[in-house]
Amino acid sequence: MTAQNQTREFKLALVQMYVTPGDLLKNLSHATQLITEAAAGGANVVLLPEVIDLGWTHPSAKELAGIIPGGKAFNTLANAAKKQCQDLLEMHRLFTYHRSRRKGRINGSLWR
């Protein structure tokens, strides 16, 4: 078989979800559930909305926003990726970076 004849099926799940402003645990639980459902449906990659942890403008963000790596949202999503999908992308300025490795580990930071 030549490279021209080799194809691989790829399934992308685009997740839409309501983010409850300021409710970190509820949002992470919902996101984890949707990741599990997408993976069960055969998704290779699950793309989640931005700021699914607290919402864009909720005042609690200053107190509840976590660190990357190591915060509650990061750890929850990394564990879901490890269990289901295995890869995470991170946004920095205008670019996205694939910083994760298999099993939910992070390669390192590009700008710290």
PDB file of N, CA and C in Angstrom:
ATOM      1  N   MET A   1       0.845  -1.186   0.000  1.00  0.00           N
ATOM      2  CA  MET A   1       0.000   0.000   0.000  1.00  0.00           C
ATOM      3  C   MET A   1       0.887   1.244   0.000  1.00  0.00           C
ATOM      4  N   THR A   2       0.619   2.161  -0.886  1.00  0.00           N
ATOM      5  CA  THR A   2       1.388   3.403  -0.959  1.00  0.00           C
ATOM      6  C   THR A   2       0.793   4.450  -0.028  1.00  0.00           C
ATOM      7  N   ALA A   3       1.567   5.483   0.202  1.00  0.00           N
ATOM      8  CA  ALA A   3       1.091   6.566   1.075  1.00  0.00           C
ATOM      9  C   ALA A   3      -0.163   7.218   0.508  1.00  0.00           C
ATOM     10  N   GLN A   4      -0.282   7.239  -0.814  1.00  0.00           N
ATOM     11  CA  GLN A   4      -1.454   7.845  -1.438  1.00  0.00           C
ATOM     12  C   GLN A   4      -2.733   7.085  -1.108  1.00  0.00           C
ATOM     13  N   ASN A   5      -2.622   5.800  -0.897  1.00  0.00           N
ATOM     14  CA  ASN A   5      -3.801   4.974  -0.639  1.00  0.00           C
ATOM     15  C   ASN A   5      -4.168   4.895   0.837  1.00  0.00           C
ATOM     16  N   GLN A   6      -3.301   5.371   1.698  1.00  0.00           N
ATOM     17  CA  GLN A   6      -3.561   5.271   3.127  1.00  0.00           C
ATOM     18  C   GLN A   6      -4.420   6.439   3.584  1.00  0.00           C
ATOM     19  N   THR A   7      -5.536   6.118   4.169  1.00  0.00           N
ATOM     20  CA  THR A   7      -6.388   7.146   4.758  1.00  0.00           C
ATOM     21  C   THR A   7      -6.717   6.734   6.174  1.00  0.00           C
ATOM     22  N   ARG A   8      -6.967   7.713   6.976  1.00  0.00           N
ATOM     23  CA  ARG A   8      -7.309   7.455   8.367  1.00  0.00           C
ATOM     24  C   ARG A   8      -8.534   8.283   8.702  1.00  0.00           C
ATOM     25  N   GLU A   9      -9.511   7.639   9.274  1.00  0.00           N
ATOM     26  CA  GLU A   9     -10.711   8.366   9.673  1.00  0.00           C
ATOM     27  C   GLU A   9     -10.400   9.235  10.880  1.00  0.00           C
ATOM     28  N   PHE A  10     -10.924  10.448  10.849  1.00  0.00           N
ATOM     29  CA  PHE A  10     -10.725  11.399  11.936  1.00  0.00           C
ATOM     30  C   PHE A  10     -12.065  12.021  12.272  1.00  0.00           C
ATOM     31  N   LYS A  11     -12.398  12.034  13.543  1.00  0.00           N
ATOM     32  CA  LYS A  11     -13.676  12.594  13.962  1.00  0.00           C
ATOM     33  C   LYS A  11     -13.432  13.693  14.995  1.00  0.00           C
ATOM     34  N   LEU A  12     -13.932  14.886  14.694  1.00  0.00           N
ATOM     35  CA  LEU A  12     -13.807  16.048  15.563  1.00  0.00           C
ATOM     36  C   LEU A  12     -15.155  16.343  16.200  1.00  0.00           C
ATOM     37  N   ALA A  13     -15.174  16.503  17.508  1.00  0.00           N
ATOM     38  CA  ALA A  13     -16.398  16.883  18.219  1.00  0.00           C
ATOM     39  C   ALA A  13     -16.288  18.355  18.614  1.00  0.00           C
ATOM     40  N   LEU A  14     -17.236  19.160  18.155  1.00  0.00           N
ATOM     41  CA  LEU A  14     -17.313  20.570  18.530  1.00  0.00           C
ATOM     42  C   LEU A  14     -18.379  20.701  19.604  1.00  0.00           C
ATOM     43  N   VAL A  15     -17.965  21.002  20.808  1.00  0.00           N
ATOM     44  CA  VAL A  15     -18.877  21.022  21.948  1.00  0.00           C
ATOM     45  C   VAL A  15     -19.467  22.414  22.131  1.00  0.00           C
ATOM     46  N   GLN A  16     -20.777  22.467  22.267  1.00  0.00           N
ATOM     47  CA  GLN A  16     -21.468  23.677  22.689  1.00  0.00           C
ATOM     48  C   GLN A  16     -22.059  23.379  24.060  1.00  0.00           C
ATOM     49  N   MET A  17     -21.845  24.285  24.988  1.00  0.00           N
ATOM     50  CA  MET A  17     -22.393  24.082  26.325  1.00  0.00           C
ATOM     51  C   MET A  17     -22.662  25.433  26.965  1.00  0.00           C
ATOM     52  N   TYR A  18     -23.660  25.441  27.835  1.00  0.00           N
ATOM     53  CA  TYR A  18     -23.925  26.646  28.608  1.00  0.00           C
ATOM     54  C   TYR A  18     -22.933  26.689  29.760  1.00  0.00           C
ATOM     55  N   VAL A  19     -22.244  27.797  29.903  1.00  0.00           N
ATOM     56  CA  VAL A  19     -21.323  28.003  31.015  1.00  0.00           C
ATOM     57  C   VAL A  19     -22.061  28.798  32.078  1.00  0.00           C
ATOM     58  N   THR A  20     -22.211  28.198  33.261  1.00  0.00           N
ATOM     59  CA  THR A  20     -22.840  28.892  34.380  1.00  0.00           C
ATOM     60  C   THR A  20     -21.801  29.836  34.982  1.00  0.00           C
ATOM     61  N   PRO A  21     -21.992  31.150  34.866  1.00  0.00           N
ATOM     62  CA  PRO A  21     -20.986  32.096  35.336  1.00  0.00           C
ATOM     63  C   PRO A  21     -20.615  31.871  36.801  1.00  0.00           C
ATOM     64  N   GLY A  22     -19.323  31.714  37.052  1.00  0.00           N
ATOM     65  CA  GLY A  22     -18.811  31.589  38.406  1.00  0.00           C
ATOM     66  C   GLY A  22     -18.952  30.230  39.053  1.00  0.00           C
ATOM     67  N   ASP A  23     -19.540  29.247  38.372  1.00  0.00           N
ATOM     68  CA  ASP A  23     -19.761  27.928  38.981  1.00  0.00           C
ATOM     69  C   ASP A  23     -18.767  26.911  38.422  1.00  0.00           C
ATOM     70  N   LEU A  24     -17.557  26.964  38.934  1.00  0.00           N
ATOM     71  CA  LEU A  24     -16.459  26.138  38.450  1.00  0.00           C
ATOM     72  C   LEU A  24     -16.798  24.652  38.448  1.00  0.00           C
ATOM     73  N   LEU A  25     -17.275  24.136  39.572  1.00  0.00           N
ATOM     74  CA  LEU A  25     -17.528  22.698  39.681  1.00  0.00           C
ATOM     75  C   LEU A  25     -18.621  22.225  38.725  1.00  0.00           C
ATOM     76  N   LYS A  26     -19.690  22.993  38.607  1.00  0.00           N
ATOM     77  CA  LYS A  26     -20.777  22.624  37.697  1.00  0.00           C
ATOM     78  C   LYS A  26     -20.289  22.619  36.243  1.00  0.00           C
ATOM     79  N   ASN A  27     -19.540  23.641  35.871  1.00  0.00           N
ATOM     80  CA  ASN A  27     -19.046  23.740  34.499  1.00  0.00           C
ATOM     81  C   ASN A  27     -18.070  22.619  34.164  1.00  0.00           C
ATOM     82  N   LEU A  28     -17.188  22.297  35.090  1.00  0.00           N
ATOM     83  CA  LEU A  28     -16.230  21.217  34.843  1.00  0.00           C
ATOM     84  C   LEU A  28     -16.921  19.865  34.777  1.00  0.00           C
ATOM     85  N   SER A  29     -17.915  19.663  35.620  1.00  0.00           N
ATOM     86  CA  SER A  29     -18.678  18.414  35.585  1.00  0.00           C
ATOM     87  C   SER A  29     -19.390  18.253  34.243  1.00  0.00           C
ATOM     88  N   HIS A  30     -20.006  19.334  33.784  1.00  0.00           N
ATOM     89  CA  HIS A  30     -20.713  19.301  32.500  1.00  0.00           C
ATOM     90  C   HIS A  30     -19.736  19.058  31.347  1.00  0.00           C
ATOM     91  N   ALA A  31     -18.601  19.743  31.354  1.00  0.00           N
ATOM     92  CA  ALA A  31     -17.599  19.566  30.299  1.00  0.00           C
ATOM     93  C   ALA A  31     -17.076  18.136  30.278  1.00  0.00           C
ATOM     94  N   THR A  32     -16.811  17.582  31.453  1.00  0.00           N
ATOM     95  CA  THR A  32     -16.328  16.201  31.535  1.00  0.00           C
ATOM     96  C   THR A  32     -17.354  15.228  30.977  1.00  0.00           C
ATOM     97  N   GLN A  33     -18.614  15.457  31.292  1.00  0.00           N
ATOM     98  CA  GLN A  33     -19.690  14.613  30.761  1.00  0.00           C
ATOM     99  C   GLN A  33     -19.728  14.687  29.234  1.00  0.00           C
ATOM    100  N   LEU A  34     -19.607  15.886  28.686  1.00  0.00           N
ATOM    101  CA  LEU A  34     -19.646  16.061  27.234  1.00  0.00           C
ATOM    102  C   LEU A  34     -18.416  15.454  26.554  1.00  0.00           C
ATOM    103  N   ILE A  35     -17.268  15.527  27.193  1.00  0.00           N
ATOM    104  CA  ILE A  35     -16.060  14.883  26.668  1.00  0.00           C
ATOM    105  C   ILE A  35     -16.259  13.377  26.602  1.00  0.00           C
ATOM    106  N   THR A  36     -16.818  12.819  27.665  1.00  0.00           N
ATOM    107  CA  THR A  36     -17.076  11.374  27.713  1.00  0.00           C
ATOM    108  C   THR A  36     -18.039  10.959  26.610  1.00  0.00           C
ATOM    109  N   GLU A  37     -19.104  11.730  26.419  1.00  0.00           N
ATOM    110  CA  GLU A  37     -20.083  11.421  25.371  1.00  0.00           C
ATOM    111  C   GLU A  37     -19.450  11.511  23.981  1.00  0.00           C
ATOM    112  N   ALA A  38     -18.639  12.532  23.759  1.00  0.00           N
ATOM    113  CA  ALA A  38     -17.997  12.694  22.453  1.00  0.00           C
ATOM    114  C   ALA A  38     -17.031  11.543  22.171  1.00  0.00           C
ATOM    115  N   ALA A  39     -16.256  11.166  23.174  1.00  0.00           N
ATOM    116  CA  ALA A  39     -15.321  10.050  22.998  1.00  0.00           C
ATOM    117  C   ALA A  39     -16.070   8.751  22.739  1.00  0.00           C
ATOM    118  N   ALA A  40     -17.183   8.557  23.432  1.00  0.00           N
ATOM    119  CA  ALA A  40     -17.995   7.351  23.208  1.00  0.00           C
ATOM    120  C   ALA A  40     -18.564   7.328  21.794  1.00  0.00           C
ATOM    121  N   GLY A  41     -18.758   8.506  21.210  1.00  0.00           N
ATOM    122  CA  GLY A  41     -19.248   8.607  19.841  1.00  0.00           C
ATOM    123  C   GLY A  41     -18.146   8.503  18.798  1.00  0.00           C
ATOM    124  N   GLY A  42     -16.923   8.261  19.243  1.00  0.00           N
ATOM    125  CA  GLY A  42     -15.821   8.050  18.317  1.00  0.00           C
ATOM    126  C   GLY A  42     -14.951   9.254  18.038  1.00  0.00           C
ATOM    127  N   ALA A  43     -15.109  10.335  18.795  1.00  0.00           N
ATOM    128  CA  ALA A  43     -14.308  11.541  18.551  1.00  0.00           C
ATOM    129  C   ALA A  43     -12.841  11.297  18.878  1.00  0.00           C
ATOM    130  N   ASN A  44     -11.970  11.753  17.976  1.00  0.00           N
ATOM    131  CA  ASN A  44     -10.530  11.727  18.222  1.00  0.00           C
ATOM    132  C   ASN A  44     -10.076  12.990  18.943  1.00  0.00           C
ATOM    133  N   VAL A  45     -10.774  14.094  18.673  1.00  0.00           N
ATOM    134  CA  VAL A  45     -10.481  15.382  19.294  1.00  0.00           C
ATOM    135  C   VAL A  45     -11.798  16.004  19.727  1.00  0.00           C
ATOM    136  N   VAL A  46     -11.800  16.583  20.926  1.00  0.00           N
ATOM    137  CA  VAL A  46     -12.978  17.284  21.432  1.00  0.00           C
ATOM    138  C   VAL A  46     -12.575  18.743  21.630  1.00  0.00           C
ATOM    139  N   LEU A  47     -13.257  19.633  20.942  1.00  0.00           N
ATOM    140  CA  LEU A  47     -12.976  21.059  21.042  1.00  0.00           C
ATOM    141  C   LEU A  47     -14.036  21.705  21.928  1.00  0.00           C
ATOM    142  N   LEU A  48     -13.596  22.255  23.057  1.00  0.00           N
ATOM    143  CA  LEU A  48     -14.491  22.889  24.022  1.00  0.00           C
ATOM    144  C   LEU A  48     -14.508  24.400  23.815  1.00  0.00           C
ATOM    145  N   PRO A  49     -15.568  25.066  24.242  1.00  0.00           N
ATOM    146  CA  PRO A  49     -15.605  26.531  24.165  1.00  0.00           C
ATOM    147  C   PRO A  49     -14.535  27.160  25.065  1.00  0.00           C
ATOM    148  N   GLU A  50     -14.228  28.407  24.797  1.00  0.00           N
ATOM    149  CA  GLU A  50     -13.286  29.139  25.641  1.00  0.00           C
ATOM    150  C   GLU A  50     -13.897  29.381  27.021  1.00  0.00           C
ATOM    151  N   VAL A  51     -13.051  29.597  27.978  1.00  0.00           N
ATOM    152  CA  VAL A  51     -13.382  29.945  29.363  1.00  0.00           C
ATOM    153  C   VAL A  51     -14.580  29.175  29.919  1.00  0.00           C
ATOM    154  N   ILE A  52     -14.550  27.855  29.758  1.00  0.00           N
ATOM    155  CA  ILE A  52     -15.651  27.032  30.260  1.00  0.00           C
ATOM    156  C   ILE A  52     -15.612  26.879  31.768  1.00  0.00           C
ATOM    157  N   ASP A  53     -14.552  27.328  32.393  1.00  0.00           N
ATOM    158  CA  ASP A  53     -14.472  27.166  33.841  1.00  0.00           C
ATOM    159  C   ASP A  53     -15.355  28.162  34.588  1.00  0.00           C
ATOM    160  N   LEU A  54     -15.252  29.456  34.272  1.00  0.00           N
ATOM    161  CA  LEU A  54     -15.976  30.485  35.031  1.00  0.00           C
ATOM    162  C   LEU A  54     -16.799  31.439  34.174  1.00  0.00           C
ATOM    163  N   GLY A  55     -16.576  31.450  32.890  1.00  0.00           N
ATOM    164  CA  GLY A  55     -17.222  32.437  32.031  1.00  0.00           C
ATOM    165  C   GLY A  55     -16.315  33.648  31.865  1.00  0.00           C
ATOM    166  N   TRP A  56     -16.579  34.429  30.827  1.00  0.00           N
ATOM    167  CA  TRP A  56     -15.696  35.545  30.483  1.00  0.00           C
ATOM    168  C   TRP A  56     -15.649  36.663  31.515  1.00  0.00           C
ATOM    169  N   THR A  57     -16.784  37.071  32.031  1.00  0.00           N
ATOM    170  CA  THR A  57     -16.809  38.327  32.790  1.00  0.00           C
ATOM    171  C   THR A  57     -17.232  38.179  34.244  1.00  0.00           C
ATOM    172  N   HIS A  58     -17.325  36.970  34.744  1.00  0.00           N
ATOM    173  CA  HIS A  58     -17.785  36.812  36.123  1.00  0.00           C
ATOM    174  C   HIS A  58     -16.731  37.338  37.097  1.00  0.00           C
ATOM    175  N   PRO A  59     -17.165  38.125  38.104  1.00  0.00           N
ATOM    176  CA  PRO A  59     -16.219  38.723  39.051  1.00  0.00           C
ATOM    177  C   PRO A  59     -15.408  37.700  39.847  1.00  0.00           C
ATOM    178  N   SER A  60     -15.887  36.479  39.963  1.00  0.00           N
ATOM    179  CA  SER A  60     -15.173  35.463  40.735  1.00  0.00           C
ATOM    180  C   SER A  60     -13.883  35.012  40.060  1.00  0.00           C
ATOM    181  N   ALA A  61     -13.693  35.370  38.797  1.00  0.00           N
ATOM    182  CA  ALA A  61     -12.515  34.899  38.064  1.00  0.00           C
ATOM    183  C   ALA A  61     -11.208  35.306  38.744  1.00  0.00           C
ATOM    184  N   LYS A  62     -11.178  36.484  39.347  1.00  0.00           N
ATOM    185  CA  LYS A  62      -9.946  36.931  40.007  1.00  0.00           C
ATOM    186  C   LYS A  62      -9.566  36.031  41.176  1.00  0.00           C
ATOM    187  N   GLU A  63     -10.551  35.475  41.851  1.00  0.00           N
ATOM    188  CA  GLU A  63     -10.276  34.611  42.996  1.00  0.00           C
ATOM    189  C   GLU A  63     -10.228  33.130  42.621  1.00  0.00           C
ATOM    190  N   LEU A  64     -11.009  32.723  41.629  1.00  0.00           N
ATOM    191  CA  LEU A  64     -11.166  31.299  41.335  1.00  0.00           C
ATOM    192  C   LEU A  64     -10.366  30.794  40.140  1.00  0.00           C
ATOM    193  N   ALA A  65      -9.832  31.696  39.323  1.00  0.00           N
ATOM    194  CA  ALA A  65      -9.071  31.249  38.151  1.00  0.00           C
ATOM    195  C   ALA A  65      -7.873  30.424  38.605  1.00  0.00           C
ATOM    196  N   GLY A  66      -7.653  29.330  37.918  1.00  0.00           N
ATOM    197  CA  GLY A  66      -6.575  28.423  38.299  1.00  0.00           C
ATOM    198  C   GLY A  66      -5.308  28.646  37.494  1.00  0.00           C
ATOM    199  N   ILE A  67      -4.291  27.908  37.867  1.00  0.00           N
ATOM    200  CA  ILE A  67      -3.019  27.979  37.169  1.00  0.00           C
ATOM    201  C   ILE A  67      -2.928  26.842  36.151  1.00  0.00           C
ATOM    202  N   ILE A  68      -2.057  27.028  35.165  1.00  0.00           N
ATOM    203  CA  ILE A  68      -1.798  26.002  34.156  1.00  0.00           C
ATOM    204  C   ILE A  68      -0.300  25.754  34.137  1.00  0.00           C
ATOM    205  N   PRO A  69       0.127  24.562  34.399  1.00  0.00           N
ATOM    206  CA  PRO A  69      -0.642  23.409  34.865  1.00  0.00           C
ATOM    207  C   PRO A  69      -0.885  23.460  36.362  1.00  0.00           C
ATOM    208  N   GLY A  70      -1.824  22.667  36.824  1.00  0.00           N
ATOM    209  CA  GLY A  70      -2.016  22.459  38.240  1.00  0.00           C
ATOM    210  C   GLY A  70      -3.304  22.946  38.859  1.00  0.00           C
ATOM    211  N   GLY A  71      -4.035  23.827  38.213  1.00  0.00           N
ATOM    212  CA  GLY A  71      -5.284  24.318  38.780  1.00  0.00           C
ATOM    213  C   GLY A  71      -6.405  23.294  38.671  1.00  0.00           C
ATOM    214  N   LYS A  72      -7.509  23.575  39.339  1.00  0.00           N
ATOM    215  CA  LYS A  72      -8.660  22.666  39.352  1.00  0.00           C
ATOM    216  C   LYS A  72      -9.185  22.392  37.944  1.00  0.00           C
ATOM    217  N   ALA A  73      -9.406  23.442  37.158  1.00  0.00           N
ATOM    218  CA  ALA A  73      -9.920  23.255  35.792  1.00  0.00           C
ATOM    219  C   ALA A  73      -8.917  22.478  34.953  1.00  0.00           C
ATOM    220  N   PHE A  74      -7.667  22.860  35.036  1.00  0.00           N
ATOM    221  CA  PHE A  74      -6.633  22.166  34.271  1.00  0.00           C
ATOM    222  C   PHE A  74      -6.589  20.686  34.630  1.00  0.00           C
ATOM    223  N   ASN A  75      -6.524  20.387  35.924  1.00  0.00           N
ATOM    224  CA  ASN A  75      -6.428  18.990  36.354  1.00  0.00           C
ATOM    225  C   ASN A  75      -7.655  18.181  35.949  1.00  0.00           C
ATOM    226  N   THR A  76      -8.828  18.771  36.081  1.00  0.00           N
ATOM    227  CA  THR A  76     -10.060  18.064  35.711  1.00  0.00           C
ATOM    228  C   THR A  76     -10.075  17.745  34.226  1.00  0.00           C
ATOM    229  N   LEU A  77      -9.748  18.725  33.394  1.00  0.00           N
ATOM    230  CA  LEU A  77      -9.760  18.510  31.948  1.00  0.00           C
ATOM    231  C   LEU A  77      -8.614  17.600  31.505  1.00  0.00           C
ATOM    232  N   ALA A  78      -7.458  17.714  32.151  1.00  0.00           N
ATOM    233  CA  ALA A  78      -6.344  16.817  31.828  1.00  0.00           C
ATOM    234  C   ALA A  78      -6.706  15.375  32.160  1.00  0.00           C
ATOM    235  N   ASN A  79      -7.379  15.174  33.291  1.00  0.00           N
ATOM    236  CA  ASN A  79      -7.802  13.816  33.652  1.00  0.00           C
ATOM    237  C   ASN A  79      -8.837  13.278  32.674  1.00  0.00           C
ATOM    238  N   ALA A  80      -9.754  14.134  32.231  1.00  0.00           N
ATOM    239  CA  ALA A  80     -10.740  13.701  31.235  1.00  0.00           C
ATOM    240  C   ALA A  80     -10.041  13.347  29.926  1.00  0.00           C
ATOM    241  N   ALA A  81      -9.056  14.155  29.532  1.00  0.00           N
ATOM    242  CA  ALA A  81      -8.305  13.868  28.308  1.00  0.00           C
ATOM    243  C   ALA A  81      -7.520  12.568  28.446  1.00  0.00           C
ATOM    244  N   LYS A  82      -6.922  12.386  29.604  1.00  0.00           N
ATOM    245  CA  LYS A  82      -6.156  11.158  29.851  1.00  0.00           C
ATOM    246  C   LYS A  82      -7.054   9.936  29.730  1.00  0.00           C
ATOM    247  N   LYS A  83      -8.243  10.055  30.259  1.00  0.00           N
ATOM    248  CA  LYS A  83      -9.180   8.930  30.260  1.00  0.00           C
ATOM    249  C   LYS A  83      -9.836   8.724  28.902  1.00  0.00           C
ATOM    250  N   GLN A  84     -10.133   9.811  28.191  1.00  0.00           N
ATOM    251  CA  GLN A  84     -10.947   9.719  26.983  1.00  0.00           C
ATOM    252  C   GLN A  84     -10.211  10.067  25.698  1.00  0.00           C
ATOM    253  N   CYS A  85      -9.645  11.245  25.639  1.00  0.00           N
ATOM    254  CA  CYS A  85      -9.178  11.788  24.353  1.00  0.00           C
ATOM    255  C   CYS A  85      -7.673  11.960  24.265  1.00  0.00           C
ATOM    256  N   GLN A  86      -7.039  12.254  25.340  1.00  0.00           N
ATOM    257  CA  GLN A  86      -5.599  12.250  25.517  1.00  0.00           C
ATOM    258  C   GLN A  86      -4.819  13.462  25.032  1.00  0.00           C
ATOM    259  N   ASP A  87      -5.419  14.422  24.387  1.00  0.00           N
ATOM    260  CA  ASP A  87      -4.664  15.581  23.926  1.00  0.00           C
ATOM    261  C   ASP A  87      -5.376  16.879  24.300  1.00  0.00           C
ATOM    262  N   LEU A  88      -4.596  17.924  24.611  1.00  0.00           N
ATOM    263  CA  LEU A  88      -5.141  19.238  24.943  1.00  0.00           C
ATOM    264  C   LEU A  88      -4.423  20.310  24.134  1.00  0.00           C
ATOM    265  N   LEU A  89      -5.154  21.335  23.735  1.00  0.00           N
ATOM    266  CA  LEU A  89      -4.565  22.506  23.089  1.00  0.00           C
ATOM    267  C   LEU A  89      -4.646  23.679  24.049  1.00  0.00           C
ATOM    268  N   GLU A  90      -3.682  24.576  23.945  1.00  0.00           N
ATOM    269  CA  GLU A  90      -3.723  25.783  24.760  1.00  0.00           C
ATOM    270  C   GLU A  90      -3.602  26.994  23.849  1.00  0.00           C
ATOM    271  N   MET A  91      -4.352  28.036  24.157  1.00  0.00           N
ATOM    272  CA  MET A  91      -4.322  29.271  23.375  1.00  0.00           C
ATOM    273  C   MET A  91      -3.370  30.250  24.043  1.00  0.00           C
ATOM    274  N   HIS A  92      -2.513  30.874  23.255  1.00  0.00           N
ATOM    275  CA  HIS A  92      -1.649  31.942  23.746  1.00  0.00           C
ATOM    276  C   HIS A  92      -1.583  33.010  22.668  1.00  0.00           C
ATOM    277  N   ARG A  93      -2.041  34.175  22.996  1.00  0.00           N
ATOM    278  CA  ARG A  93      -2.133  35.282  22.056  1.00  0.00           C
ATOM    279  C   ARG A  93      -2.938  34.851  20.841  1.00  0.00           C
ATOM    280  N   LEU A  94      -2.346  34.806  19.672  1.00  0.00           N
ATOM    281  CA  LEU A  94      -3.099  34.475  18.464  1.00  0.00           C
ATOM    282  C   LEU A  94      -2.911  33.032  18.017  1.00  0.00           C
ATOM    283  N   PHE A  95      -2.184  32.241  18.784  1.00  0.00           N
ATOM    284  CA  PHE A  95      -1.837  30.901  18.329  1.00  0.00           C
ATOM    285  C   PHE A  95      -2.286  29.840  19.322  1.00  0.00           C
ATOM    286  N   THR A  96      -2.567  28.663  18.796  1.00  0.00           N
ATOM    287  CA  THR A  96      -2.834  27.521  19.664  1.00  0.00           C
ATOM    288  C   THR A  96      -1.613  26.614  19.651  1.00  0.00           C
ATOM    289  N   TYR A  97      -1.402  25.957  20.767  1.00  0.00           N
ATOM    290  CA  TYR A  97      -0.264  25.064  20.912  1.00  0.00           C
ATOM    291  C   TYR A  97      -0.743  23.725  21.433  1.00  0.00           C
ATOM    292  N   HIS A  98      -0.192  22.678  20.874  1.00  0.00           N
ATOM    293  CA  HIS A  98      -0.450  21.328  21.378  1.00  0.00           C
ATOM    294  C   HIS A  98       0.663  21.041  22.367  1.00  0.00           C
ATOM    295  N   ARG A  99       0.344  21.161  23.646  1.00  0.00           N
ATOM    296  CA  ARG A  99       1.363  21.010  24.677  1.00  0.00           C
ATOM    297  C   ARG A  99       1.241  19.709  25.434  1.00  0.00           C
ATOM    298  N   SER A 100       0.234  18.934  25.158  1.00  0.00           N
ATOM    299  CA  SER A 100       0.043  17.728  25.953  1.00  0.00           C
ATOM    300  C   SER A 100       0.640  16.513  25.264  1.00  0.00           C
ATOM    301  N   ARG A 101       0.868  15.514  26.076  1.00  0.00           N
ATOM    302  CA  ARG A 101       1.321  14.227  25.571  1.00  0.00           C
ATOM    303  C   ARG A 101       0.259  13.203  25.924  1.00  0.00           C
ATOM    304  N   ARG A 102       0.415  12.026  25.439  1.00  0.00           N
ATOM    305  CA  ARG A 102      -0.495  10.942  25.780  1.00  0.00           C
ATOM    306  C   ARG A 102      -0.554  10.790  27.289  1.00  0.00           C
ATOM    307  N   LYS A 103      -1.657  10.337  27.773  1.00  0.00           N
ATOM    308  CA  LYS A 103      -1.897  10.099  29.195  1.00  0.00           C
ATOM    309  C   LYS A 103      -2.041  11.389  29.994  1.00  0.00           C
ATOM    310  N   GLY A 104      -2.402  12.497  29.341  1.00  0.00           N
ATOM    311  CA  GLY A 104      -2.741  13.713  30.059  1.00  0.00           C
ATOM    312  C   GLY A 104      -1.590  14.519  30.605  1.00  0.00           C
ATOM    313  N   ARG A 105      -0.376  14.232  30.215  1.00  0.00           N
ATOM    314  CA  ARG A 105       0.768  14.995  30.708  1.00  0.00           C
ATOM    315  C   ARG A 105       0.979  16.244  29.851  1.00  0.00           C
ATOM    316  N   ILE A 106       1.655  17.232  30.428  1.00  0.00           N
ATOM    317  CA  ILE A 106       1.940  18.477  29.717  1.00  0.00           C
ATOM    318  C   ILE A 106       3.408  18.501  29.318  1.00  0.00           C
ATOM    319  N   ASN A 107       3.675  18.903  28.085  1.00  0.00           N
ATOM    320  CA  ASN A 107       5.052  18.975  27.589  1.00  0.00           C
ATOM    321  C   ASN A 107       5.845  20.082  28.259  1.00  0.00           C
ATOM    322  N   GLY A 108       5.223  21.190  28.559  1.00  0.00           N
ATOM    323  CA  GLY A 108       5.911  22.328  29.151  1.00  0.00           C
ATOM    324  C   GLY A 108       5.299  23.604  28.623  1.00  0.00           C
ATOM    325  N   SER A 109       5.776  24.704  29.104  1.00  0.00           N
ATOM    326  CA  SER A 109       5.223  25.983  28.700  1.00  0.00           C
ATOM    327  C   SER A 109       6.116  26.626  27.654  1.00  0.00           C
ATOM    328  N   LEU A 110       5.497  27.262  26.689  1.00  0.00           N
ATOM    329  CA  LEU A 110       6.249  27.903  25.621  1.00  0.00           C
ATOM    330  C   LEU A 110       6.658  29.324  25.959  1.00  0.00           C
ATOM    331  N   TRP A 111       6.022  29.935  26.928  1.00  0.00           N
ATOM    332  CA  TRP A 111       6.258  31.365  27.163  1.00  0.00           C
ATOM    333  C   TRP A 111       6.529  31.716  28.611  1.00  0.00           C
ATOM    334  N   ARG A 112       6.693  30.764  29.479  1.00  0.00           N
ATOM    335  CA  ARG A 112       6.966  31.100  30.887  1.00  0.00           C
ATOM    336  C   ARG A 112       8.430  30.972  31.188  1.00  0.00           C
TER     337      ARG A 112
END
